[in-house]
Protein backbone atom coordinates (compact mmCIF):
# COMPACT_ATOMS: atom_id res chain seq x y z
CA MET A 1 89.72 146.50 113.18
CA THR A 2 90.26 145.75 116.85
CA ASP A 3 93.24 143.94 118.28
CA LEU A 4 91.11 140.86 118.91
CA GLU A 5 89.86 140.80 115.32
CA LEU A 6 93.42 141.24 114.06
CA ILE A 7 94.64 138.35 116.21
CA LYS A 8 91.76 136.14 115.02
CA SER A 9 92.56 137.02 111.41
CA GLN A 10 96.22 136.20 111.89
CA LEU A 11 95.37 132.91 113.61
CA ARG A 12 93.09 131.95 110.68
CA GLU A 13 95.95 132.74 108.26
CA ILE A 14 98.35 130.62 110.31
CA ALA A 15 95.81 127.76 110.42
CA ASN A 16 95.33 127.98 106.62
CA ARG A 17 99.07 127.87 106.02
CA LEU A 18 99.44 124.88 108.35
CA ASP A 19 96.71 123.08 106.40
CA GLU A 20 98.57 123.81 103.17
CA LEU A 21 101.77 122.48 104.73
CA HIS A 22 100.05 119.26 105.83
CA GLN A 23 98.66 118.79 102.32
CA ALA A 24 102.21 118.87 100.96
CA PHE A 25 102.88 115.61 102.85
CA PRO A 26 99.82 113.43 102.20
CA ASP A 27 101.47 110.33 103.70
CA GLY A 28 102.83 112.24 106.66
CA VAL A 29 106.15 113.87 107.42
CA GLN A 30 107.75 110.62 108.66
CA ALA A 31 106.86 108.78 105.45
CA HIS A 32 108.35 111.64 103.47
CA ARG A 33 111.53 111.45 105.52
CA SER A 34 111.68 107.66 105.09
CA ALA A 35 111.35 108.07 101.33
CA HIS A 36 114.29 110.48 101.28
CA GLU A 37 116.37 108.13 103.45
CA ALA A 38 115.63 105.29 101.03
CA MET A 39 116.70 107.48 98.10
CA ILE A 40 119.94 108.38 99.88
CA LYS A 41 120.69 104.70 100.57
CA ALA A 42 119.94 103.79 96.95
CA ALA A 43 122.27 106.54 95.70
CA ALA A 44 125.04 105.32 98.02
CA ALA A 45 124.57 101.74 96.83
CA GLN A 46 124.66 102.88 93.21
CA GLU A 47 127.86 104.85 93.81
CA THR A 48 129.46 101.82 95.46
CA PHE A 49 128.41 99.62 92.52
CA TRP A 50 129.91 101.97 89.91
CA ASN A 51 133.13 102.42 91.88
CA GLU A 52 133.56 98.65 92.21
CA LEU A 53 132.75 98.16 88.53
CA LYS A 54 135.35 100.74 87.46
CA LEU A 55 137.94 99.11 89.71
CA GLU A 56 137.18 95.66 88.29
CA ILE A 57 137.40 96.94 84.69
CA ALA A 58 140.73 98.61 85.46
CA LYS A 59 142.09 95.37 87.00
CA LYS A 60 141.00 93.26 84.03
CA GLY A 61 142.37 95.83 81.59
CA ILE A 62 145.78 95.80 83.26
CA ILE A 63 145.81 92.00 83.32
CA GLY A 64 144.86 91.96 79.61
CA ILE A 65 147.68 94.35 78.73
CA ILE A 66 150.17 92.25 80.70
CA VAL A 67 149.03 89.06 78.93
CA ILE A 68 149.39 90.73 75.53
CA LEU A 69 152.85 92.08 76.38
CA VAL A 70 154.04 88.68 77.68
CA GLY A 71 152.70 87.06 74.51
CA LEU A 72 154.53 89.56 72.33
CA VAL A 73 157.77 89.08 74.28
CA LEU A 74 157.52 85.28 74.03
CA THR A 75 156.76 85.54 70.31
CA GLY A 76 159.75 87.84 69.81
CA ILE A 77 162.05 85.51 71.74
CA SER A 78 160.86 82.47 69.83
CA VAL A 79 161.45 84.23 66.50
CA LYS A 80 164.95 85.34 67.62
CA LEU A 81 165.83 81.80 68.66
CA GLY A 82 164.41 80.34 65.49
CA LEU A 83 161.67 78.43 67.28
CA TRP A 84 159.02 79.90 65.06
CA ILE A 85 157.54 77.28 62.75
CA LYS A 86 157.37 78.48 59.18
CA GLN A 87 154.73 77.01 56.95
């Protein structure tokens, strides 16, 4: 095989591999990149949503515990002072 034939063979192999690479992105490389960027934005939005939801649940849980504790304290004080109505 001559040098020219070897070079032609290698160029055909390179061209075949480039065709395979282009087939991997049927909508084009930019569309593929845009799809990944959209997925990244969606994941960031989802993370923000879950973080805000956890924070809101924690806030409401703390407020609920405080309300229960205040209710128990007021009930205890009213019983101590005899303000509790017995039926």
